[in-house]
């Protein structure tokens, strides 16, 4: 056993409306990040913008998958 112990799994209970709001906000953040990549200059911190793009995309994909799981769970 590691000295850090066992990782606990965090479960977030979303209601349908707040999850939809979170997904829409994440989509808008991702679109904004894509726009920033398009207008960024190679010398002006492009690495930071690309990092922001990856983070927002991963968050959007996670929340989208979470929304699909919630909808499937509620309809089953």
N, C-alpha and C. Protein backbone atom coordinates (compact mmCIF):
# COMPACT_ATOMS: atom_id res chain seq x y z
N UNK A 1 0.85 -1.18 0.00
CA UNK A 1 0.00 0.00 0.00
C UNK A 1 0.89 1.24 0.00
N UNK A 2 0.49 2.22 -0.78
CA UNK A 2 1.32 3.42 -0.84
C UNK A 2 1.14 4.25 0.42
N UNK A 3 2.08 5.09 0.67
CA UNK A 3 1.99 5.91 1.88
C UNK A 3 0.95 7.01 1.75
N UNK A 4 0.49 7.24 0.53
CA UNK A 4 -0.51 8.29 0.32
C UNK A 4 -1.92 7.78 0.57
N UNK A 5 -2.06 6.48 0.67
CA UNK A 5 -3.38 5.92 0.93
C UNK A 5 -4.15 5.71 -0.36
N UNK A 6 -5.34 5.26 -0.19
CA UNK A 6 -6.18 4.96 -1.34
C UNK A 6 -6.91 6.24 -1.78
N UNK A 7 -6.95 6.44 -3.09
CA UNK A 7 -7.66 7.61 -3.61
C UNK A 7 -9.16 7.40 -3.49
N UNK A 8 -9.82 8.42 -3.03
CA UNK A 8 -11.28 8.35 -2.94
C UNK A 8 -11.88 8.88 -4.22
N UNK A 9 -12.95 8.29 -4.61
CA UNK A 9 -13.64 8.71 -5.81
C UNK A 9 -14.66 9.78 -5.46
N UNK A 10 -14.61 10.88 -6.16
CA UNK A 10 -15.52 11.98 -5.90
C UNK A 10 -16.70 11.86 -6.84
N UNK A 11 -17.88 11.85 -6.26
CA UNK A 11 -19.10 11.77 -7.06
C UNK A 11 -19.86 13.07 -6.87
N UNK A 12 -20.16 13.71 -7.99
CA UNK A 12 -20.91 14.95 -7.96
C UNK A 12 -22.31 14.66 -8.45
N UNK A 13 -23.28 15.02 -7.64
CA UNK A 13 -24.67 14.80 -8.03
C UNK A 13 -25.20 16.08 -8.68
N UNK A 14 -25.41 16.02 -9.98
CA UNK A 14 -25.87 17.17 -10.74
C UNK A 14 -27.38 17.10 -10.91
N UNK A 15 -28.03 18.25 -10.86
CA UNK A 15 -29.40 18.27 -11.34
C UNK A 15 -29.34 18.66 -12.81
N UNK A 16 -30.38 18.35 -13.55
CA UNK A 16 -30.36 18.50 -15.01
C UNK A 16 -30.07 19.93 -15.43
N UNK A 17 -30.65 20.89 -14.75
CA UNK A 17 -30.50 22.29 -15.16
C UNK A 17 -29.08 22.79 -14.92
N UNK A 18 -28.49 22.51 -13.78
CA UNK A 18 -27.14 23.01 -13.49
C UNK A 18 -26.11 22.32 -14.38
N UNK A 19 -26.34 21.05 -14.72
CA UNK A 19 -25.42 20.36 -15.62
C UNK A 19 -25.49 20.96 -17.02
N UNK A 20 -26.69 21.28 -17.48
CA UNK A 20 -26.83 21.92 -18.79
C UNK A 20 -26.13 23.28 -18.82
N UNK A 21 -26.26 24.03 -17.75
CA UNK A 21 -25.60 25.34 -17.66
C UNK A 21 -24.08 25.16 -17.68
N UNK A 22 -23.58 24.17 -16.95
CA UNK A 22 -22.13 23.92 -16.91
C UNK A 22 -21.62 23.49 -18.28
N UNK A 23 -22.37 22.65 -18.98
CA UNK A 23 -21.96 22.20 -20.32
C UNK A 23 -21.93 23.38 -21.28
N UNK A 24 -22.95 24.22 -21.25
CA UNK A 24 -23.00 25.38 -22.14
C UNK A 24 -21.87 26.36 -21.85
N UNK A 25 -21.56 26.58 -20.57
CA UNK A 25 -20.47 27.48 -20.22
C UNK A 25 -19.13 26.90 -20.65
N UNK A 26 -18.95 25.60 -20.49
CA UNK A 26 -17.72 24.95 -20.92
C UNK A 26 -17.56 25.03 -22.44
N UNK A 27 -18.66 24.88 -23.17
CA UNK A 27 -18.61 25.00 -24.64
C UNK A 27 -18.20 26.40 -25.05
N UNK A 28 -18.78 27.41 -24.39
CA UNK A 28 -18.42 28.80 -24.70
C UNK A 28 -16.95 29.08 -24.37
N UNK A 29 -16.46 28.54 -23.26
CA UNK A 29 -15.05 28.71 -22.89
C UNK A 29 -14.14 28.07 -23.94
N UNK A 30 -14.52 26.88 -24.41
CA UNK A 30 -13.74 26.18 -25.42
C UNK A 30 -13.72 26.95 -26.73
N UNK A 31 -14.88 27.48 -27.13
CA UNK A 31 -14.94 28.27 -28.36
C UNK A 31 -14.10 29.53 -28.24
N UNK A 32 -14.11 30.14 -27.06
CA UNK A 32 -13.28 31.32 -26.83
C UNK A 32 -11.80 30.97 -26.93
N UNK A 33 -11.42 29.83 -26.37
CA UNK A 33 -10.02 29.39 -26.45
C UNK A 33 -9.61 29.13 -27.89
N UNK A 34 -10.50 28.53 -28.69
CA UNK A 34 -10.19 28.31 -30.10
C UNK A 34 -9.98 29.63 -30.83
N UNK A 35 -10.80 30.62 -30.49
CA UNK A 35 -10.65 31.95 -31.09
C UNK A 35 -9.31 32.57 -30.70
N UNK A 36 -8.93 32.42 -29.44
CA UNK A 36 -7.65 32.96 -28.99
C UNK A 36 -6.48 32.34 -29.74
N UNK A 37 -6.56 31.04 -30.03
CA UNK A 37 -5.50 30.38 -30.80
C UNK A 37 -5.41 30.98 -32.19
N UNK A 38 -6.56 31.24 -32.79
CA UNK A 38 -6.58 31.80 -34.14
C UNK A 38 -5.97 33.19 -34.21
N UNK A 39 -6.18 34.00 -33.19
CA UNK A 39 -5.71 35.39 -33.24
C UNK A 39 -4.35 35.59 -32.59
N UNK A 40 -3.82 34.55 -31.93
CA UNK A 40 -2.54 34.69 -31.22
C UNK A 40 -1.38 34.73 -32.20
N UNK A 41 -0.37 35.47 -31.80
CA UNK A 41 0.87 35.54 -32.57
C UNK A 41 1.85 34.52 -32.00
N UNK A 42 2.72 33.96 -32.84
CA UNK A 42 3.66 32.93 -32.36
C UNK A 42 4.56 33.41 -31.23
N UNK A 43 4.87 34.69 -31.18
CA UNK A 43 5.79 35.20 -30.16
C UNK A 43 5.07 35.58 -28.86
N UNK A 44 3.76 35.69 -28.89
CA UNK A 44 3.03 36.25 -27.76
C UNK A 44 2.39 35.25 -26.82
N UNK A 45 3.11 34.27 -26.33
CA UNK A 45 2.57 33.33 -25.36
C UNK A 45 1.63 32.30 -25.95
N UNK A 46 1.95 31.83 -27.11
CA UNK A 46 1.11 30.84 -27.79
C UNK A 46 1.01 29.55 -26.98
N UNK A 47 2.07 29.20 -26.24
CA UNK A 47 2.04 27.98 -25.43
C UNK A 47 0.94 28.05 -24.38
N UNK A 48 0.79 29.22 -23.76
CA UNK A 48 -0.25 29.39 -22.75
C UNK A 48 -1.64 29.27 -23.36
N UNK A 49 -1.80 29.82 -24.53
CA UNK A 49 -3.10 29.76 -25.21
C UNK A 49 -3.43 28.33 -25.60
N UNK A 50 -2.43 27.59 -26.07
CA UNK A 50 -2.65 26.19 -26.44
C UNK A 50 -2.99 25.37 -25.20
N UNK A 51 -2.32 25.63 -24.10
CA UNK A 51 -2.63 24.95 -22.84
C UNK A 51 -4.07 25.23 -22.43
N UNK A 52 -4.47 26.49 -22.51
CA UNK A 52 -5.84 26.88 -22.18
C UNK A 52 -6.84 26.17 -23.09
N UNK A 53 -6.50 26.04 -24.35
CA UNK A 53 -7.37 25.34 -25.30
C UNK A 53 -7.53 23.88 -24.88
N UNK A 54 -6.45 23.22 -24.52
CA UNK A 54 -6.52 21.81 -24.12
C UNK A 54 -7.33 21.64 -22.83
N UNK A 55 -7.12 22.53 -21.88
CA UNK A 55 -7.84 22.43 -20.61
C UNK A 55 -9.34 22.64 -20.82
N UNK A 56 -9.71 23.65 -21.59
CA UNK A 56 -11.13 23.91 -21.81
C UNK A 56 -11.78 22.80 -22.63
N UNK A 57 -11.05 22.24 -23.59
CA UNK A 57 -11.60 21.15 -24.38
C UNK A 57 -11.84 19.91 -23.51
N UNK A 58 -10.88 19.58 -22.66
CA UNK A 58 -11.04 18.42 -21.78
C UNK A 58 -12.21 18.62 -20.81
N UNK A 59 -12.36 19.83 -20.28
CA UNK A 59 -13.47 20.10 -19.37
C UNK A 59 -14.80 19.97 -20.10
N UNK A 60 -14.88 20.50 -21.31
CA UNK A 60 -16.12 20.42 -22.09
C UNK A 60 -16.45 18.97 -22.41
N UNK A 61 -15.46 18.20 -22.83
CA UNK A 61 -15.71 16.79 -23.17
C UNK A 61 -16.13 16.00 -21.93
N UNK A 62 -15.52 16.29 -20.79
CA UNK A 62 -15.89 15.61 -19.55
C UNK A 62 -17.34 15.92 -19.18
N UNK A 63 -17.70 17.19 -19.20
CA UNK A 63 -19.06 17.57 -18.81
C UNK A 63 -20.09 17.05 -19.81
N UNK A 64 -19.73 17.01 -21.08
CA UNK A 64 -20.64 16.47 -22.09
C UNK A 64 -20.87 14.98 -21.84
N UNK A 65 -19.81 14.25 -21.54
CA UNK A 65 -19.96 12.82 -21.23
C UNK A 65 -20.75 12.62 -19.95
N UNK A 66 -20.53 13.48 -18.97
CA UNK A 66 -21.28 13.40 -17.72
C UNK A 66 -22.77 13.64 -17.96
N UNK A 67 -23.08 14.60 -18.82
CA UNK A 67 -24.49 14.88 -19.14
C UNK A 67 -25.12 13.69 -19.85
N UNK A 68 -24.39 13.05 -20.74
CA UNK A 68 -24.92 11.87 -21.43
C UNK A 68 -25.16 10.74 -20.45
N UNK A 69 -24.22 10.52 -19.52
CA UNK A 69 -24.40 9.47 -18.51
C UNK A 69 -25.62 9.76 -17.63
N UNK A 70 -25.78 11.01 -17.22
CA UNK A 70 -26.92 11.38 -16.39
C UNK A 70 -28.24 11.17 -17.12
N UNK A 71 -28.30 11.57 -18.36
CA UNK A 71 -29.53 11.39 -19.13
C UNK A 71 -29.84 9.91 -19.32
N UNK A 72 -28.81 9.12 -19.60
CA UNK A 72 -29.00 7.68 -19.78
C UNK A 72 -29.46 7.04 -18.47
N UNK A 73 -28.86 7.48 -17.36
CA UNK A 73 -29.20 6.92 -16.05
C UNK A 73 -30.64 7.27 -15.66
N UNK A 74 -31.08 8.47 -15.97
CA UNK A 74 -32.43 8.89 -15.60
C UNK A 74 -33.49 8.26 -16.48
N UNK A 75 -33.14 7.93 -17.72
CA UNK A 75 -34.11 7.32 -18.63
C UNK A 75 -34.13 5.81 -18.52
N UNK A 76 -33.18 5.24 -17.80
CA UNK A 76 -33.12 3.77 -17.69
C UNK A 76 -33.99 3.27 -16.56
